[in-house]
């Protein structure tokens, strides 16, 4: 048995080399950072950021091309690279909401608040 153990030998599934865009979403969906997904498996991924970044241990990883989000947990870091594992699948009710839907929801909430304020303004004048 060899004394050198490569990281791929510790993985449960094979990671496939990729070069796709990703987005780390954290801080209650208020902060995002673009990244490149350099390899991907059923269990995790290798993320590369343009600069050294500080991320929470648990964050959402959004794949714009797939319009898919997964919760991930940081496993290791070095300079601009972060190895992550996919968090256990959440119940359907707890699944991350796509970013475009969250933006639309916030816009509708703002419009609703403006309409409520206008109703109060009109009814107080009567």
N, C-alpha and C. Protein backbone atom coordinates (compact mmCIF):
# COMPACT_ATOMS: atom_id res chain seq x y z
N UNK A 1 0.84 -1.18 0.00
CA UNK A 1 0.00 0.00 0.00
C UNK A 1 0.88 1.24 0.00
N UNK A 2 0.56 2.18 -0.84
CA UNK A 2 1.36 3.40 -0.98
C UNK A 2 1.13 4.32 0.20
N UNK A 3 2.20 5.02 0.59
CA UNK A 3 2.09 5.97 1.69
C UNK A 3 1.42 7.26 1.24
N UNK A 4 1.38 7.50 -0.09
CA UNK A 4 0.77 8.71 -0.63
C UNK A 4 -0.67 8.41 -0.99
N UNK A 5 -1.58 9.19 -0.45
CA UNK A 5 -2.99 9.02 -0.76
C UNK A 5 -3.46 10.27 -1.47
N UNK A 6 -3.93 10.13 -2.69
CA UNK A 6 -4.42 11.29 -3.43
C UNK A 6 -5.83 11.62 -2.97
N UNK A 7 -6.22 12.88 -3.17
CA UNK A 7 -7.54 13.30 -2.73
C UNK A 7 -8.63 12.56 -3.47
N UNK A 8 -8.39 12.15 -4.74
CA UNK A 8 -9.42 11.45 -5.47
C UNK A 8 -9.73 10.08 -4.86
N UNK A 9 -8.75 9.47 -4.19
CA UNK A 9 -8.97 8.18 -3.56
C UNK A 9 -9.90 8.29 -2.35
N UNK A 10 -10.01 9.47 -1.77
CA UNK A 10 -10.87 9.65 -0.61
C UNK A 10 -12.31 9.98 -1.01
N UNK A 11 -12.53 10.29 -2.27
CA UNK A 11 -13.87 10.68 -2.71
C UNK A 11 -14.75 9.46 -2.94
N UNK A 12 -16.05 9.66 -2.68
CA UNK A 12 -17.01 8.58 -2.91
C UNK A 12 -17.39 8.47 -4.38
N UNK A 13 -17.28 9.58 -5.12
CA UNK A 13 -17.63 9.55 -6.54
C UNK A 13 -16.58 10.31 -7.35
N UNK A 14 -16.44 9.96 -8.59
CA UNK A 14 -15.44 10.57 -9.47
C UNK A 14 -15.87 11.98 -9.84
N UNK A 15 -14.92 12.91 -9.78
CA UNK A 15 -15.21 14.28 -10.21
C UNK A 15 -14.80 14.43 -11.66
N UNK A 16 -15.69 15.05 -12.44
CA UNK A 16 -15.44 15.29 -13.85
C UNK A 16 -14.95 16.73 -14.03
N UNK A 17 -13.92 16.91 -14.85
CA UNK A 17 -13.39 18.25 -15.12
C UNK A 17 -14.44 19.06 -15.85
N UNK A 18 -14.61 20.31 -15.43
CA UNK A 18 -15.58 21.21 -16.05
C UNK A 18 -14.99 22.60 -16.12
N UNK A 19 -15.64 23.46 -16.83
CA UNK A 19 -15.32 24.89 -16.81
C UNK A 19 -16.65 25.61 -17.05
N UNK A 20 -17.45 25.69 -15.99
CA UNK A 20 -18.74 26.35 -16.08
C UNK A 20 -18.81 27.45 -15.04
N UNK A 21 -19.63 28.43 -15.31
CA UNK A 21 -19.80 29.54 -14.38
C UNK A 21 -20.68 29.16 -13.21
N UNK A 22 -20.39 29.75 -12.08
CA UNK A 22 -21.19 29.53 -10.89
C UNK A 22 -21.29 30.83 -10.11
N UNK A 23 -22.14 30.83 -9.12
CA UNK A 23 -22.33 32.02 -8.29
C UNK A 23 -22.54 31.55 -6.85
N UNK A 24 -21.67 32.01 -5.95
CA UNK A 24 -21.84 31.73 -4.52
C UNK A 24 -22.80 32.77 -3.96
N UNK A 25 -23.84 32.31 -3.28
CA UNK A 25 -24.86 33.20 -2.73
C UNK A 25 -24.89 32.99 -1.22
N UNK A 26 -24.79 34.08 -0.45
CA UNK A 26 -24.74 33.98 1.00
C UNK A 26 -25.23 35.28 1.62
N UNK A 27 -25.11 35.40 2.93
CA UNK A 27 -25.53 36.61 3.64
C UNK A 27 -27.03 36.86 3.42
N UNK A 28 -27.83 35.84 3.65
CA UNK A 28 -29.28 35.89 3.48
C UNK A 28 -29.65 36.35 2.07
N UNK A 29 -28.91 35.81 1.09
CA UNK A 29 -29.11 36.09 -0.34
C UNK A 29 -28.83 37.53 -0.72
N UNK A 30 -28.12 38.27 0.15
CA UNK A 30 -27.79 39.66 -0.13
C UNK A 30 -26.43 39.81 -0.83
N UNK A 31 -25.59 38.77 -0.78
CA UNK A 31 -24.24 38.83 -1.34
C UNK A 31 -24.02 37.70 -2.33
N UNK A 32 -23.32 38.02 -3.43
CA UNK A 32 -22.99 37.00 -4.42
C UNK A 32 -21.55 37.19 -4.89
N UNK A 33 -20.92 36.09 -5.26
CA UNK A 33 -19.58 36.11 -5.83
C UNK A 33 -19.54 35.15 -7.01
N UNK A 34 -19.05 35.62 -8.16
CA UNK A 34 -18.91 34.75 -9.32
C UNK A 34 -17.72 33.82 -9.13
N UNK A 35 -17.84 32.62 -9.68
CA UNK A 35 -16.74 31.66 -9.60
C UNK A 35 -16.78 30.76 -10.83
N UNK A 36 -15.73 29.99 -10.99
CA UNK A 36 -15.68 28.95 -12.03
C UNK A 36 -15.75 27.60 -11.33
N UNK A 37 -16.57 26.72 -11.85
CA UNK A 37 -16.66 25.36 -11.32
C UNK A 37 -15.72 24.52 -12.17
N UNK A 38 -14.59 24.09 -11.57
CA UNK A 38 -13.54 23.41 -12.33
C UNK A 38 -13.68 21.91 -12.35
N UNK A 39 -14.34 21.33 -11.35
CA UNK A 39 -14.71 19.92 -11.44
C UNK A 39 -15.97 19.70 -10.63
N UNK A 40 -16.66 18.63 -10.96
CA UNK A 40 -17.99 18.42 -10.42
C UNK A 40 -18.26 16.92 -10.30
N UNK A 41 -18.91 16.53 -9.21
CA UNK A 41 -19.33 15.15 -9.03
C UNK A 41 -20.70 15.14 -8.39
N UNK A 42 -21.20 13.96 -8.09
CA UNK A 42 -22.48 13.85 -7.39
C UNK A 42 -22.37 14.39 -5.97
N UNK A 43 -21.16 14.36 -5.40
CA UNK A 43 -20.98 14.74 -4.01
C UNK A 43 -20.45 16.14 -3.78
N UNK A 44 -19.79 16.77 -4.78
CA UNK A 44 -19.21 18.07 -4.54
C UNK A 44 -18.59 18.68 -5.77
N UNK A 45 -17.79 19.74 -5.53
CA UNK A 45 -17.20 20.48 -6.64
C UNK A 45 -15.95 21.22 -6.18
N UNK A 46 -15.16 21.65 -7.16
CA UNK A 46 -14.02 22.53 -6.92
C UNK A 46 -14.38 23.88 -7.51
N UNK A 47 -14.37 24.92 -6.68
CA UNK A 47 -14.71 26.27 -7.11
C UNK A 47 -13.45 27.11 -7.15
N UNK A 48 -13.32 27.95 -8.18
CA UNK A 48 -12.18 28.85 -8.30
C UNK A 48 -12.73 30.26 -8.40
N UNK A 49 -12.22 31.14 -7.53
CA UNK A 49 -12.65 32.53 -7.50
C UNK A 49 -11.53 33.41 -8.05
N UNK A 50 -11.86 34.59 -8.63
CA UNK A 50 -10.83 35.45 -9.20
C UNK A 50 -9.81 35.94 -8.17
N UNK A 51 -10.22 36.08 -6.94
CA UNK A 51 -9.34 36.53 -5.85
C UNK A 51 -9.61 35.69 -4.62
N UNK A 52 -8.74 35.79 -3.65
CA UNK A 52 -8.96 35.11 -2.39
C UNK A 52 -10.22 35.70 -1.76
N UNK A 53 -11.13 34.86 -1.33
CA UNK A 53 -12.41 35.32 -0.79
C UNK A 53 -12.69 34.69 0.56
N UNK A 54 -13.56 35.33 1.30
CA UNK A 54 -14.02 34.79 2.57
C UNK A 54 -15.50 34.46 2.40
N UNK A 55 -15.81 33.20 2.59
CA UNK A 55 -17.19 32.73 2.47
C UNK A 55 -17.58 31.99 3.74
N UNK A 56 -18.87 31.97 4.07
CA UNK A 56 -19.29 31.15 5.21
C UNK A 56 -19.09 29.68 4.89
N UNK A 57 -19.11 28.85 5.91
CA UNK A 57 -18.93 27.41 5.70
C UNK A 57 -20.05 26.83 4.84
N UNK A 58 -21.27 27.30 5.04
CA UNK A 58 -22.43 26.81 4.29
C UNK A 58 -22.98 27.95 3.44
N UNK A 59 -23.12 27.72 2.13
CA UNK A 59 -23.67 28.74 1.25
C UNK A 59 -24.35 28.07 0.05
N UNK A 60 -25.05 28.87 -0.73
CA UNK A 60 -25.76 28.37 -1.90
C UNK A 60 -24.86 28.52 -3.12
N UNK A 61 -24.82 27.51 -3.97
CA UNK A 61 -24.08 27.56 -5.22
C UNK A 61 -25.10 27.52 -6.35
N UNK A 62 -25.13 28.58 -7.15
CA UNK A 62 -26.09 28.69 -8.25
C UNK A 62 -25.37 28.43 -9.57
N UNK A 63 -25.97 27.59 -10.41
CA UNK A 63 -25.46 27.29 -11.75
C UNK A 63 -26.36 28.00 -12.76
N UNK A 64 -25.96 29.19 -13.25
CA UNK A 64 -26.84 29.95 -14.16
C UNK A 64 -27.26 29.18 -15.41
N UNK A 65 -26.36 28.44 -16.03
CA UNK A 65 -26.72 27.72 -17.25
C UNK A 65 -27.79 26.66 -17.01
N UNK A 66 -27.73 26.03 -15.85
CA UNK A 66 -28.72 25.00 -15.51
C UNK A 66 -29.93 25.57 -14.80
N UNK A 67 -29.82 26.83 -14.35
CA UNK A 67 -30.85 27.46 -13.51
C UNK A 67 -31.15 26.58 -12.31
N UNK A 68 -30.08 26.16 -11.66
CA UNK A 68 -30.18 25.22 -10.54
C UNK A 68 -29.32 25.72 -9.39
N UNK A 69 -29.80 25.54 -8.18
CA UNK A 69 -29.05 25.90 -6.97
C UNK A 69 -28.86 24.67 -6.10
N UNK A 70 -27.73 24.64 -5.41
CA UNK A 70 -27.46 23.57 -4.43
C UNK A 70 -26.81 24.22 -3.21
N UNK A 71 -27.16 23.75 -2.04
CA UNK A 71 -26.49 24.18 -0.83
C UNK A 71 -25.18 23.40 -0.75
N UNK A 72 -24.09 24.09 -0.42
CA UNK A 72 -22.79 23.44 -0.33
C UNK A 72 -22.12 23.78 0.99
N UNK A 73 -21.19 22.92 1.37
CA UNK A 73 -20.41 23.11 2.60
C UNK A 73 -18.93 23.11 2.22
N UNK A 74 -18.20 24.14 2.67
CA UNK A 74 -16.76 24.23 2.41
C UNK A 74 -16.05 23.09 3.12
N UNK A 75 -15.17 22.40 2.40
CA UNK A 75 -14.38 21.31 2.97
C UNK A 75 -12.92 21.67 3.12
N UNK A 76 -12.40 22.46 2.20
CA UNK A 76 -11.01 22.92 2.27
C UNK A 76 -10.87 24.17 1.41
N UNK A 77 -9.82 24.93 1.68
CA UNK A 77 -9.55 26.17 0.94
C UNK A 77 -8.06 26.32 0.74
N UNK A 78 -7.67 26.91 -0.39
CA UNK A 78 -6.29 27.36 -0.58
C UNK A 78 -6.29 28.46 -1.63
N UNK A 79 -5.84 29.61 -1.24
CA UNK A 79 -5.81 30.80 -2.10
C UNK A 79 -7.18 31.04 -2.72
N UNK A 80 -7.30 30.89 -4.05
CA UNK A 80 -8.56 31.18 -4.73
C UNK A 80 -9.45 29.95 -4.92
N UNK A 81 -9.04 28.80 -4.44
CA UNK A 81 -9.80 27.56 -4.66
C UNK A 81 -10.50 27.12 -3.37
N UNK A 82 -11.71 26.60 -3.55
CA UNK A 82 -12.47 26.05 -2.42
C UNK A 82 -13.10 24.73 -2.86
N UNK A 83 -12.84 23.69 -2.10
CA UNK A 83 -13.49 22.40 -2.34
C UNK A 83 -14.76 22.35 -1.51
N UNK A 84 -15.87 22.00 -2.13
CA UNK A 84 -17.15 21.96 -1.43
C UNK A 84 -17.82 20.61 -1.61
N UNK A 85 -18.64 20.25 -0.64
CA UNK A 85 -19.49 19.07 -0.78
C UNK A 85 -20.93 19.56 -0.79
N UNK A 86 -21.77 18.85 -1.51
CA UNK A 86 -23.17 19.22 -1.55
C UNK A 86 -23.82 18.82 -0.23
N UNK A 87 -24.57 19.76 0.35
CA UNK A 87 -25.27 19.50 1.60
C UNK A 87 -26.38 18.49 1.33
N UNK A 88 -26.81 17.81 2.36
CA UNK A 88 -27.88 16.82 2.23
C UNK A 88 -29.09 17.48 1.60
N UNK A 89 -29.77 16.74 0.78
CA UNK A 89 -30.94 17.27 0.08
C UNK A 89 -31.98 17.72 1.09
N UNK A 90 -32.49 18.91 0.87
CA UNK A 90 -33.51 19.46 1.77
C UNK A 90 -34.88 18.98 1.32
N UNK A 91 -35.84 19.09 2.22
CA UNK A 91 -37.21 18.81 1.84
C UNK A 91 -37.60 19.80 0.75
N UNK A 92 -38.58 19.47 -0.07
CA UNK A 92 -38.99 20.33 -1.17
C UNK A 92 -39.31 21.74 -0.69
N UNK A 93 -39.94 21.86 0.49
CA UNK A 93 -40.30 23.17 1.02
C UNK A 93 -39.08 24.00 1.39
N UNK A 94 -37.95 23.36 1.68
CA UNK A 94 -36.74 24.06 2.10
C UNK A 94 -35.75 24.27 0.96
N UNK A 95 -36.08 23.82 -0.25
CA UNK A 95 -35.17 23.92 -1.37
C UNK A 95 -34.91 25.38 -1.71
N UNK A 96 -33.67 25.71 -2.12
CA UNK A 96 -33.37 27.09 -2.50
C UNK A 96 -34.25 27.55 -3.66
N UNK A 97 -34.64 28.79 -3.62
CA UNK A 97 -35.47 29.38 -4.66
C UNK A 97 -34.54 29.98 -5.71
N UNK A 98 -34.82 29.79 -7.00
CA UNK A 98 -33.96 30.39 -8.03
C UNK A 98 -33.86 31.90 -7.86
N UNK A 99 -32.70 32.43 -8.18
CA UNK A 99 -32.40 33.85 -7.99
C UNK A 99 -33.38 34.75 -8.73
N UNK A 100 -33.75 34.41 -9.96
CA UNK A 100 -34.67 35.25 -10.72
C UNK A 100 -36.05 35.31 -10.06
N UNK A 101 -36.48 34.22 -9.44
CA UNK A 101 -37.77 34.24 -8.73
C UNK A 101 -37.70 35.09 -7.47
N UNK A 102 -36.56 35.04 -6.77
CA UNK A 102 -36.40 35.88 -5.57
C UNK A 102 -36.44 37.37 -5.94
N UNK A 103 -35.79 37.72 -7.04
CA UNK A 103 -35.80 39.13 -7.49
C UNK A 103 -37.22 39.56 -7.84
N UNK A 104 -37.93 38.71 -8.55
CA UNK A 104 -39.31 39.05 -8.93
C UNK A 104 -40.20 39.17 -7.70
N UNK A 105 -40.01 38.28 -6.72
CA UNK A 105 -40.79 38.34 -5.47
C UNK A 105 -40.53 39.66 -4.75
N UNK A 106 -39.27 40.06 -4.65
CA UNK A 106 -38.95 41.33 -3.98
C UNK A 106 -39.58 42.51 -4.71
N UNK A 107 -39.54 42.49 -6.04
CA UNK A 107 -40.16 43.56 -6.83
C UNK A 107 -41.66 43.62 -6.57
N UNK A 108 -42.33 42.48 -6.54
CA UNK A 108 -43.76 42.44 -6.28
C UNK A 108 -44.09 42.91 -4.87
N UNK A 109 -43.24 42.55 -3.90
CA UNK A 109 -43.46 43.02 -2.53
C UNK A 109 -43.35 44.54 -2.45
N UNK A 110 -42.38 45.13 -3.19
CA UNK A 110 -42.26 46.60 -3.21
C UNK A 110 -43.49 47.25 -3.85
N UNK A 111 -43.95 46.66 -4.97
CA UNK A 111 -45.14 47.19 -5.64
C UNK A 111 -46.36 47.08 -4.73
N UNK A 112 -46.49 45.97 -4.01
CA UNK A 112 -47.61 45.77 -3.09
C UNK A 112 -47.59 46.83 -1.99
N UNK A 113 -46.42 47.08 -1.42
CA UNK A 113 -46.30 48.08 -0.36
C UNK A 113 -46.67 49.47 -0.89
N UNK A 114 -46.25 49.80 -2.11
CA UNK A 114 -46.57 51.10 -2.70
C UNK A 114 -48.08 51.22 -2.92
N UNK A 115 -48.73 50.16 -3.37
CA UNK A 115 -50.17 50.18 -3.58
C UNK A 115 -50.92 50.34 -2.26
N UNK A 116 -50.46 49.64 -1.22
CA UNK A 116 -51.09 49.78 0.10
C UNK A 116 -50.97 51.21 0.61
N UNK A 117 -49.80 51.81 0.42
CA UNK A 117 -49.60 53.18 0.85
C UNK A 117 -50.51 54.12 0.08
N UNK A 118 -50.70 53.87 -1.20
CA UNK A 118 -51.59 54.71 -2.02
C UNK A 118 -53.03 54.56 -1.58
N UNK A 119 -53.46 53.36 -1.22
CA UNK A 119 -54.83 53.14 -0.73
C UNK A 119 -55.06 53.91 0.55
N UNK A 120 -54.09 53.85 1.47
CA UNK A 120 -54.22 54.61 2.72
C UNK A 120 -54.30 56.10 2.43
N UNK A 121 -53.49 56.57 1.52
CA UNK A 121 -53.48 58.00 1.16
C UNK A 121 -54.83 58.41 0.59
N UNK A 122 -55.42 57.60 -0.26
CA UNK A 122 -56.71 57.93 -0.88
C UNK A 122 -57.87 57.82 0.09
N UNK A 123 -57.83 56.83 0.99
CA UNK A 123 -58.95 56.65 1.93
C UNK A 123 -58.91 57.65 3.06
N UNK A 124 -57.74 58.15 3.43
CA UNK A 124 -57.67 59.16 4.49
C UNK A 124 -58.18 60.50 4.00
N UNK A 125 -58.10 60.77 2.72
CA UNK A 125 -58.56 62.04 2.16
C UNK A 125 -60.07 62.07 1.97
N UNK A 126 -60.74 60.94 2.10
CA UNK A 126 -62.21 60.88 1.84
C UNK A 126 -63.03 61.30 3.01
